[in-house]
Amino acid sequence: MDPTGSPPCLLRATIPSSKKATPGLSRLMLAVWPWQLDSEGKKMRVKQVSTRVIFALCIASFFAGSLFNSRTWTHSSLSRDIYVTPFPEINKHSPDCDRQRLLMEDKSGDVMEQVTKTHHAVETLDKTISKLETELAFAREGMLYDHQKESNHSMQKAFVVVGINTAFSSKRRRESLRETWLPGGDKLKKLETEKGIIIRFVIGRSATPGGVLDQAIDKENTKHQDFLRLNHIEAYHELSTKTRLYFSTAITLWDAEFYVKVDDDVHLNLGALVNTLARYRSKPRVYMGCMKSGPVLSRKGVRYHEPEFWKFGEEGNNYFRHASGQIYAISKDLASYISTNSAILHRYANEDVTVGAWLFGLEVEHVDEPSMCCGTPPDCYLKAQAGNVCVASYDWPCSGICKSVERMKEIHNSCREADGALWSFSR
């Protein structure tokens, strides 16, 4: 914009003022009308002009008019497509404006094209990263599978794999199970070879590999040979990941019809468990347990708080039906599904909700089995006396048996199945 405030691409036509034009007009008047003013007497004196001078002035005027008309028509023909403003002082449009406008439009188009290309590039990069993460997860599982397969030589056929979830601090709980319902030594091996029942304590690694905690588990396993070690850092808030790895690992080691997860503070009757599962062995996709639907806890600081509560609808809603986390079983097809898709399966804060979410959208038969969630005596005792032996017993308020180390023997003696129930099972 020029100093007068006019637009940069418009020319303003200005009319010269009379004061500024006075000297030039005076000379012209003297040349054409040769009279002079007598400043003293204010009288005009006329001087005669020759015919040649008048003729020359006419010729000059003619050529000047022709030149002026030629320039005016030329400018008009070049500018007939240019908008003329209604303001009298603005009568020209600079061609530079058109060039500037076209350049700006070209630049804006280029910018939008670059933004679109960048957006597509980011989307492609995100997909590539996701694909690489999935492939990396599968590669890690493949390496684990190859390592464990070398030590086991071949996958062992089995009816059921029972994984007992345990922790580094739970040695006394493990001992209480070995002293009650969990066979040990030669009986454990016989159970595997004759009945196809595999039982292992499931545990990961410590945050310091090869440290005191890992050494203690290695020593305990050397004695009892009843551990399944996972490539996983043990942490309470990582139970969903641990469960996923358990199913993914177990299915690469044992070709079983069912896979069970149970906590180490639950009383279990193995004979009742395998006979209950056997009723569903012809079903392709079975998810069995005590089905429940508790409230989604959105308030921070409470036990079982769900950080992703908003995904389950309005505040105060309940979860979808899922098996209680103390014990549940899934058939081979579902364990295979979890193993295959483990890299993209979402994990919620609560492990039992997580497993239920994995299976919720599949063609799965949800089996609500009340014998898998009996209470401790007198509940399981009365049912056993009535001939309805419980598969599992625990206390709901404690999400397991309260003070399980001290009470496991008592509960076992009250609620145990007959001695031959397990060994009479036929594969």
Protein backbone atom coordinates (compact mmCIF):
# COMPACT_ATOMS: atom_id res chain seq x y z
CA MET A 1 0.00 0.00 0.00
CA ASP A 2 1.38 3.42 -0.98
CA PRO A 3 1.75 6.28 1.58
CA THR A 4 -1.59 7.72 0.57
CA GLY A 5 -3.40 4.59 1.68
CA SER A 6 -4.38 3.48 -1.83
CA PRO A 7 -4.42 -0.24 -2.66
CA PRO A 8 -1.00 -1.49 -3.87
CA CYS A 9 -2.26 -2.70 -7.22
CA LEU A 10 -4.45 0.29 -8.19
CA LEU A 11 -3.37 3.56 -9.75
CA ARG A 12 -5.05 6.74 -8.70
CA ALA A 13 -5.77 9.38 -11.32
CA THR A 14 -5.04 12.78 -9.90
CA ILE A 15 -6.06 16.16 -11.26
CA PRO A 16 -3.31 18.78 -11.05
CA SER A 17 -4.19 21.84 -9.06
CA SER A 18 -4.41 25.24 -10.71
CA LYS A 19 -1.65 26.71 -8.62
CA LYS A 20 0.92 24.14 -9.66
CA ALA A 21 -0.04 24.43 -13.34
CA THR A 22 0.11 28.28 -13.58
CA PRO A 23 3.67 28.68 -15.04
CA GLY A 24 3.08 26.19 -17.82
CA LEU A 25 -0.28 27.69 -18.73
CA SER A 26 1.20 31.13 -18.85
CA ARG A 27 3.82 30.06 -21.35
CA LEU A 28 1.21 28.30 -23.46
CA MET A 29 -1.07 31.34 -23.44
CA LEU A 30 1.74 33.61 -24.44
CA ALA A 31 2.67 31.28 -27.28
CA VAL A 32 -0.89 30.91 -28.64
CA TRP A 33 -2.47 34.23 -27.69
CA PRO A 34 0.39 36.66 -27.74
CA TRP A 35 -0.92 39.42 -25.64
CA GLN A 36 0.69 40.78 -22.55
CA LEU A 37 -0.62 42.34 -19.40
CA ASP A 38 0.61 45.75 -18.53
CA SER A 39 1.19 45.43 -14.79
CA GLU A 40 1.31 49.17 -14.37
CA GLY A 41 -1.76 50.28 -16.35
CA LYS A 42 -3.42 46.78 -16.39
CA LYS A 43 -3.99 47.08 -20.15
CA MET A 44 -3.53 44.42 -22.84
CA ARG A 45 -1.24 44.98 -25.78
CA VAL A 46 -1.69 42.64 -28.79
CA LYS A 47 1.25 41.49 -30.96
CA GLN A 48 0.51 40.14 -34.45
CA VAL A 49 1.57 36.52 -35.29
CA SER A 50 2.58 35.32 -38.73
CA THR A 51 0.57 32.78 -40.78
CA ARG A 52 3.43 30.23 -40.69
CA VAL A 53 3.42 30.12 -36.90
CA ILE A 54 -0.33 29.56 -36.76
CA PHE A 55 -0.07 26.75 -39.34
CA ALA A 56 2.74 25.05 -37.39
CA LEU A 57 0.71 25.20 -34.18
CA CYS A 58 -2.28 23.55 -35.92
CA ILE A 59 -0.15 20.72 -37.25
CA ALA A 60 1.39 20.14 -33.79
CA SER A 61 -2.04 20.09 -32.16
CA PHE A 62 -3.29 17.53 -34.68
CA PHE A 63 -0.38 15.12 -34.03
CA ALA A 64 -0.69 15.56 -30.28
CA GLY A 65 -4.39 14.68 -30.40
CA SER A 66 -3.74 11.64 -32.57
CA LEU A 67 -1.06 10.38 -30.19
CA PHE A 68 -3.33 10.86 -27.17
CA ASN A 69 -6.24 8.94 -28.79
CA SER A 70 -3.93 6.10 -29.87
CA ARG A 71 -2.63 5.59 -26.32
CA THR A 72 -6.14 5.74 -24.88
CA TRP A 73 -7.55 3.06 -27.24
CA THR A 74 -4.54 0.82 -26.74
CA HIS A 75 -4.93 0.94 -22.98
CA SER A 76 -8.68 0.32 -23.30
CA SER A 77 -8.18 -2.79 -25.44
CA LEU A 78 -5.68 -4.23 -22.97
CA SER A 79 -7.78 -3.47 -19.92
CA ARG A 80 -11.33 -4.23 -21.05
CA ASP A 81 -11.37 -7.41 -18.91
CA ILE A 82 -10.06 -5.62 -15.86
CA TYR A 83 -12.56 -4.54 -13.27
CA VAL A 84 -12.92 -0.73 -12.94
CA THR A 85 -14.02 0.49 -9.57
CA PRO A 86 -16.97 2.81 -9.27
CA PHE A 87 -14.75 5.37 -7.64
CA PRO A 88 -13.69 8.11 -10.11
CA GLU A 89 -10.20 8.39 -8.71
CA ILE A 90 -9.44 4.68 -9.33
CA ASN A 91 -9.38 3.77 -12.97
CA LYS A 92 -6.54 1.29 -13.50
CA HIS A 93 -5.75 -2.29 -12.40
CA SER A 94 -2.14 -3.42 -12.40
CA PRO A 95 -1.39 -6.77 -14.16
CA ASP A 96 0.91 -7.53 -11.19
CA CYS A 97 -2.21 -8.10 -9.08
CA ASP A 98 -3.33 -10.95 -11.33
CA ARG A 99 0.08 -12.53 -11.25
CA GLN A 100 0.22 -12.19 -7.44
CA ARG A 101 -3.24 -13.69 -7.03
CA LEU A 102 -2.42 -16.64 -9.31
CA LEU A 103 0.84 -17.25 -7.46
CA MET A 104 -0.98 -17.23 -4.11
CA GLU A 105 -3.61 -19.66 -5.39
CA ASP A 106 -0.89 -21.98 -6.72
CA LYS A 107 0.96 -21.81 -3.41
CA SER A 108 -2.20 -22.53 -1.36
CA GLY A 109 -2.96 -25.50 -3.60
CA ASP A 110 0.58 -26.80 -3.13
CA VAL A 111 0.30 -26.42 0.67
CA MET A 112 -2.97 -28.39 0.81
CA GLU A 113 -1.47 -31.09 -1.39
CA GLN A 114 1.55 -31.36 0.92
CA VAL A 115 -0.72 -31.52 4.01
CA THR A 116 -2.71 -34.36 2.42
CA LYS A 117 0.45 -36.25 1.49
CA THR A 118 1.82 -35.82 5.02
CA HIS A 119 -1.44 -37.09 6.52
CA HIS A 120 -1.35 -40.19 4.31
CA ALA A 121 2.30 -40.74 5.19
CA VAL A 122 1.54 -40.61 8.94
CA GLU A 123 -1.34 -43.09 8.53
CA THR A 124 0.90 -45.45 6.57
CA LEU A 125 3.61 -45.14 9.22
CA ASP A 126 1.13 -45.94 12.01
CA LYS A 127 -0.02 -49.07 10.17
CA THR A 128 3.56 -50.14 9.57
CA ILE A 129 4.48 -49.69 13.24
CA SER A 130 1.41 -51.65 14.33
CA LYS A 131 2.29 -54.45 11.91
CA LEU A 132 5.90 -54.55 13.15
CA GLU A 133 4.74 -54.66 16.79
CA THR A 134 2.48 -57.60 15.98
CA GLU A 135 5.22 -59.43 14.11
CA LEU A 136 7.66 -58.76 16.96
CA ALA A 137 5.23 -60.22 19.49
CA PHE A 138 4.74 -63.30 17.33
CA ALA A 139 8.50 -63.62 16.88
CA ARG A 140 9.05 -63.49 20.64
CA GLU A 141 6.43 -66.16 21.18
CA GLY A 142 8.02 -68.21 18.42
CA MET A 143 11.41 -67.97 20.10
CA LEU A 144 9.86 -69.03 23.42
CA TYR A 145 8.10 -71.86 21.68
CA ASP A 146 11.32 -73.05 19.97
CA HIS A 147 13.25 -72.89 23.23
CA GLN A 148 10.66 -74.80 25.21
CA LYS A 149 10.05 -77.25 22.38
CA GLU A 150 13.75 -78.16 22.40
CA SER A 151 13.52 -79.03 26.09
CA ASN A 152 10.29 -80.98 25.63
CA HIS A 153 11.15 -82.47 22.20
CA SER A 154 7.49 -82.68 21.17
CA MET A 155 4.07 -81.45 22.22
CA GLN A 156 2.48 -83.77 24.73
CA LYS A 157 -1.13 -84.84 24.29
CA ALA A 158 -3.28 -84.07 27.29
CA PHE A 159 -6.86 -83.76 28.42
CA VAL A 160 -6.45 -80.66 30.57
CA VAL A 161 -3.72 -78.27 31.65
CA VAL A 162 -4.29 -76.72 35.09
CA GLY A 163 -2.25 -73.58 35.69
CA ILE A 164 -2.10 -72.44 39.30
CA ASN A 165 -1.42 -68.72 39.46
CA THR A 166 1.19 -68.01 42.13
CA ALA A 167 3.72 -65.38 43.20
CA PHE A 168 7.21 -65.23 44.68
CA SER A 169 5.80 -64.54 48.14
CA SER A 170 3.37 -67.47 48.05
CA LYS A 171 5.64 -70.40 48.94
CA ARG A 172 3.55 -71.34 51.98
CA ARG A 173 0.40 -71.35 49.85
CA ARG A 174 2.08 -73.72 47.41
CA GLU A 175 3.10 -76.01 50.23
CA SER A 176 -0.46 -76.06 51.56
CA LEU A 177 -1.71 -77.25 48.16
CA ARG A 178 0.98 -79.94 47.88
CA GLU A 179 -0.10 -81.20 51.28
CA THR A 180 -3.77 -81.42 50.31
CA TRP A 181 -5.32 -81.70 46.84
CA LEU A 182 -2.21 -81.42 44.59
CA PRO A 183 -0.40 -84.75 43.99
CA GLY A 184 3.38 -84.63 44.02
CA GLY A 185 6.37 -86.64 42.91
CA ASP A 186 5.60 -89.86 41.07
CA LYS A 187 1.84 -89.35 41.43
CA LEU A 188 2.09 -86.07 39.52
CA LYS A 189 3.96 -87.77 36.67
CA LYS A 190 1.54 -90.69 36.65
CA LEU A 191 -1.36 -88.27 36.46
CA GLU A 192 0.20 -86.75 33.36
CA THR A 193 1.02 -89.96 31.53
CA GLU A 194 -2.08 -92.00 32.42
CA LYS A 195 -4.81 -89.40 32.75
CA GLY A 196 -3.53 -86.55 30.64
CA ILE A 197 -3.86 -84.08 33.52
CA ILE A 198 -1.05 -81.52 33.63
CA ILE A 199 -0.73 -79.35 36.74
CA ARG A 200 1.79 -76.52 37.08
CA PHE A 201 2.35 -73.49 39.27
CA VAL A 202 2.53 -70.55 36.87
CA ILE A 203 5.02 -67.78 37.62
CA GLY A 204 7.09 -65.25 35.71
CA ARG A 205 10.47 -63.71 36.41
CA SER A 206 11.66 -61.11 38.87
CA ALA A 207 12.69 -57.60 37.90
CA THR A 208 16.31 -58.63 38.51
CA PRO A 209 16.92 -61.75 36.39
CA GLY A 210 18.88 -64.40 38.21
CA GLY A 211 18.33 -62.68 41.55
CA VAL A 212 17.39 -64.19 44.89
CA LEU A 213 13.71 -64.57 44.00
CA ASP A 214 14.40 -66.42 40.75
CA GLN A 215 16.96 -68.63 42.45
CA ALA A 216 14.43 -69.59 45.12
CA ILE A 217 11.88 -70.67 42.49
CA ASP A 218 14.53 -72.59 40.56
CA LYS A 219 15.47 -74.44 43.75
CA GLU A 220 11.82 -75.21 44.54
CA ASN A 221 11.23 -76.43 41.00
CA THR A 222 14.25 -78.71 41.12
CA LYS A 223 12.65 -80.43 44.09
CA HIS A 224 9.04 -80.66 42.92
CA GLN A 225 9.14 -80.28 39.10
CA ASP A 226 5.77 -78.52 39.11
CA PHE A 227 6.45 -75.01 37.74
CA LEU A 228 5.77 -73.32 34.43
CA ARG A 229 8.01 -70.27 34.07
CA LEU A 230 6.80 -67.43 31.86
CA ASN A 231 8.81 -64.75 30.09
CA HIS A 232 7.05 -62.13 32.16
CA ILE A 233 7.94 -59.70 34.97
CA GLU A 234 5.81 -60.55 37.99
CA ALA A 235 3.53 -57.71 39.19
CA TYR A 236 0.04 -57.75 40.66
CA HIS A 237 -1.27 -55.20 38.19
CA GLU A 238 0.00 -57.30 35.28
CA LEU A 239 -2.26 -60.31 35.88
CA SER A 240 -4.02 -59.83 32.55
CA THR A 241 -0.72 -60.00 30.69
CA LYS A 242 0.38 -62.99 32.76
CA THR A 243 -2.86 -64.87 32.00
CA ARG A 244 -2.52 -64.16 28.31
CA LEU A 245 1.05 -65.46 28.34
CA TYR A 246 0.00 -68.53 30.32
CA PHE A 247 -2.54 -69.61 27.68
CA SER A 248 -0.17 -68.71 24.84
CA THR A 249 2.67 -70.70 26.38
CA ALA A 250 0.66 -73.69 27.56
CA ILE A 251 -0.84 -74.33 24.14
CA THR A 252 2.65 -74.52 22.62
CA LEU A 253 3.75 -77.12 25.16
CA TRP A 254 0.68 -79.33 25.58
CA ASP A 255 -1.95 -80.23 23.03
CA ALA A 256 -4.86 -80.33 25.47
CA GLU A 257 -8.63 -80.24 25.15
CA PHE A 258 -9.02 -77.73 27.99
CA TYR A 259 -6.90 -75.15 29.77
CA VAL A 260 -7.74 -74.08 33.34
CA LYS A 261 -6.56 -71.14 35.37
CA VAL A 262 -6.93 -71.31 39.18
CA ASP A 263 -5.55 -69.21 42.04
CA ASP A 264 -3.27 -70.69 44.70
CA ASP A 265 -5.73 -69.90 47.54
CA VAL A 266 -8.56 -72.07 46.17
CA HIS A 267 -9.46 -75.62 47.18
CA LEU A 268 -9.87 -77.89 44.17
CA ASN A 269 -11.23 -81.41 43.67
CA LEU A 270 -9.42 -82.58 40.55
CA GLY A 271 -11.74 -85.56 39.93
CA ALA A 272 -14.81 -83.33 39.97
CA LEU A 273 -13.05 -80.86 37.67
CA VAL A 274 -12.09 -83.34 34.93
CA ASN A 275 -15.48 -85.07 35.01
CA THR A 276 -17.26 -81.72 34.69
CA LEU A 277 -15.07 -80.73 31.75
CA ALA A 278 -15.57 -84.10 30.08
CA ARG A 279 -19.27 -83.34 29.66
CA TYR A 280 -18.34 -80.56 27.23
CA ARG A 281 -15.49 -82.17 25.34
CA SER A 282 -17.61 -82.42 22.16
CA LYS A 283 -18.18 -78.65 22.18
CA PRO A 284 -15.70 -76.65 20.06
CA ARG A 285 -15.61 -73.38 22.04
CA VAL A 286 -16.39 -73.57 25.74
CA TYR A 287 -15.85 -70.89 28.39
CA MET A 288 -16.70 -72.34 31.82
CA GLY A 289 -16.78 -70.82 35.29
CA CYS A 290 -19.01 -69.03 37.75
CA MET A 291 -20.46 -66.34 35.52
CA LYS A 292 -21.00 -62.98 37.18
CA SER A 293 -21.67 -59.36 36.32
CA GLY A 294 -20.41 -56.92 38.91
CA PRO A 295 -20.49 -53.11 38.86
CA VAL A 296 -17.90 -51.15 36.94
CA LEU A 297 -16.00 -49.25 39.63
CA SER A 298 -15.08 -45.80 38.35
CA ARG A 299 -13.95 -44.21 41.61
CA LYS A 300 -10.21 -44.09 42.10
CA GLY A 301 -8.67 -45.67 45.15
CA VAL A 302 -11.20 -48.49 45.54
CA ARG A 303 -10.32 -52.12 45.03
CA TYR A 304 -10.86 -53.38 41.47
CA HIS A 305 -11.00 -49.81 40.15
CA GLU A 306 -11.48 -49.79 36.37
CA PRO A 307 -9.57 -46.86 34.75
CA GLU A 308 -11.37 -47.46 31.45
CA PHE A 309 -14.82 -47.41 33.04
CA TRP A 310 -16.16 -45.06 30.34
CA LYS A 311 -15.95 -47.87 27.77
CA PHE A 312 -18.69 -49.75 29.59
CA GLY A 313 -21.35 -47.10 29.19
CA GLU A 314 -22.92 -44.80 31.73
CA GLU A 315 -21.64 -44.55 35.28
CA GLY A 316 -23.17 -47.25 37.46
CA ASN A 317 -23.35 -49.86 34.69
CA ASN A 318 -22.36 -53.48 35.22
CA TYR A 319 -19.79 -55.53 33.33
CA PHE A 320 -20.89 -58.07 30.74
CA ARG A 321 -21.10 -61.67 31.95
CA HIS A 322 -17.70 -63.22 32.60
CA ALA A 323 -16.25 -66.02 34.69
CA SER A 324 -15.04 -65.19 38.18
CA GLY A 325 -11.26 -64.99 38.27
CA GLN A 326 -10.64 -67.57 41.01
CA ILE A 327 -11.07 -70.43 38.54
CA TYR A 328 -12.28 -70.84 34.95
CA ALA A 329 -11.65 -73.10 31.97
CA ILE A 330 -11.50 -72.58 28.22
CA SER A 331 -11.39 -75.15 25.44
CA LYS A 332 -8.52 -75.61 23.02
CA ASP A 333 -9.95 -73.44 20.24
CA LEU A 334 -10.25 -70.46 22.56
CA ALA A 335 -6.74 -70.91 23.95
CA SER A 336 -5.49 -71.04 20.37
CA TYR A 337 -7.42 -67.86 19.56
CA ILE A 338 -5.80 -66.05 22.51
CA SER A 339 -2.36 -67.27 21.50
CA THR A 340 -2.75 -66.27 17.86
CA ASN A 341 -4.16 -62.81 18.60
CA SER A 342 -2.28 -62.09 21.83
CA ALA A 343 -0.45 -59.10 20.36
CA ILE A 344 -3.68 -57.17 19.71
CA LEU A 345 -5.87 -58.32 22.61
CA HIS A 346 -6.68 -55.41 24.89
CA ARG A 347 -6.06 -55.80 28.61
CA TYR A 348 -8.23 -54.16 31.26
CA ALA A 349 -7.29 -53.60 34.89
CA ASN A 350 -9.06 -56.76 36.10
CA GLU A 351 -7.92 -60.10 34.74
CA ASP A 352 -11.28 -61.88 34.78
CA VAL A 353 -12.95 -58.97 32.95
CA THR A 354 -10.12 -59.02 30.42
CA VAL A 355 -10.56 -62.70 29.56
CA GLY A 356 -14.33 -62.21 29.33
CA ALA A 357 -13.80 -59.28 26.95
CA TRP A 358 -11.55 -61.38 24.71
CA LEU A 359 -14.28 -63.98 24.32
CA PHE A 360 -17.36 -61.78 24.46
CA GLY A 361 -17.69 -61.20 20.73
CA LEU A 362 -16.96 -64.78 19.66
CA GLU A 363 -19.26 -67.74 19.03
CA VAL A 364 -18.62 -69.14 22.49
CA GLU A 365 -20.72 -71.27 24.80
CA HIS A 366 -20.69 -69.61 28.21
CA VAL A 367 -21.16 -72.33 30.81
CA ASP A 368 -22.21 -71.07 34.23
CA GLU A 369 -20.99 -73.87 36.52
CA PRO A 370 -22.03 -73.25 40.17
CA SER A 371 -19.90 -76.13 41.46
CA MET A 372 -16.85 -74.02 40.59
CA CYS A 373 -17.67 -71.38 43.20
CA CYS A 374 -18.80 -73.15 46.37
CA GLY A 375 -18.25 -71.51 49.71
CA THR A 376 -15.98 -72.93 52.37
CA PRO A 377 -17.54 -75.09 55.15
CA PRO A 378 -20.29 -75.49 55.89
CA ASP A 379 -21.30 -74.88 52.25
CA CYS A 380 -18.95 -77.27 50.48
CA TYR A 381 -19.24 -79.79 53.32
CA LEU A 382 -23.03 -80.01 53.10
CA LYS A 383 -22.90 -80.37 49.32
CA ALA A 384 -20.31 -83.13 49.58
CA GLN A 385 -22.50 -84.97 52.09
CA ALA A 386 -25.41 -84.68 49.67
CA GLY A 387 -23.32 -86.22 46.89
CA ASN A 388 -22.74 -82.96 45.04
CA VAL A 389 -19.00 -82.59 45.44
CA CYS A 390 -17.77 -79.10 44.60
CA VAL A 391 -15.16 -78.51 41.94
CA ALA A 392 -13.76 -75.45 43.77
CA SER A 393 -14.33 -73.80 47.13
CA TYR A 394 -13.31 -70.36 48.40
CA ASP A 395 -14.59 -67.32 50.30
CA TRP A 396 -16.15 -64.57 48.17
CA PRO A 397 -15.17 -61.71 50.53
CA CYS A 398 -11.50 -62.67 50.23
CA SER A 399 -11.63 -63.62 46.52
CA GLY A 400 -10.11 -66.88 47.69
CA ILE A 401 -9.88 -68.79 50.93
CA CYS A 402 -9.37 -66.38 53.80
CA LYS A 403 -6.13 -67.33 55.59
CA SER A 404 -5.72 -70.18 53.14
CA VAL A 405 -2.40 -71.44 54.53
CA GLU A 406 -3.91 -72.11 57.95
CA ARG A 407 -7.30 -73.38 56.72
CA MET A 408 -6.53 -75.44 53.61
CA LYS A 409 -6.17 -78.76 55.44
CA GLU A 410 -9.40 -78.22 57.35
CA ILE A 411 -11.33 -77.40 54.20
CA HIS A 412 -9.80 -80.34 52.35
CA ASN A 413 -10.81 -82.75 55.04
CA SER A 414 -14.39 -81.42 55.04
CA CYS A 415 -14.99 -80.99 51.31
CA ARG A 416 -12.71 -83.49 49.58
CA GLU A 417 -13.94 -85.98 47.02
CA ALA A 418 -13.59 -89.74 47.36
CA ASP A 419 -10.08 -91.12 46.99
CA GLY A 420 -10.81 -92.94 43.72
CA ALA A 421 -12.65 -90.10 42.00
CA LEU A 422 -9.57 -88.77 40.25
CA TRP A 423 -7.99 -92.06 39.30
CA SER A 424 -11.19 -93.51 37.95
CA PHE A 425 -11.36 -90.81 35.32
CA SER A 426 -10.94 -92.17 31.78
CA ARG A 427 -9.52 -90.07 28.95
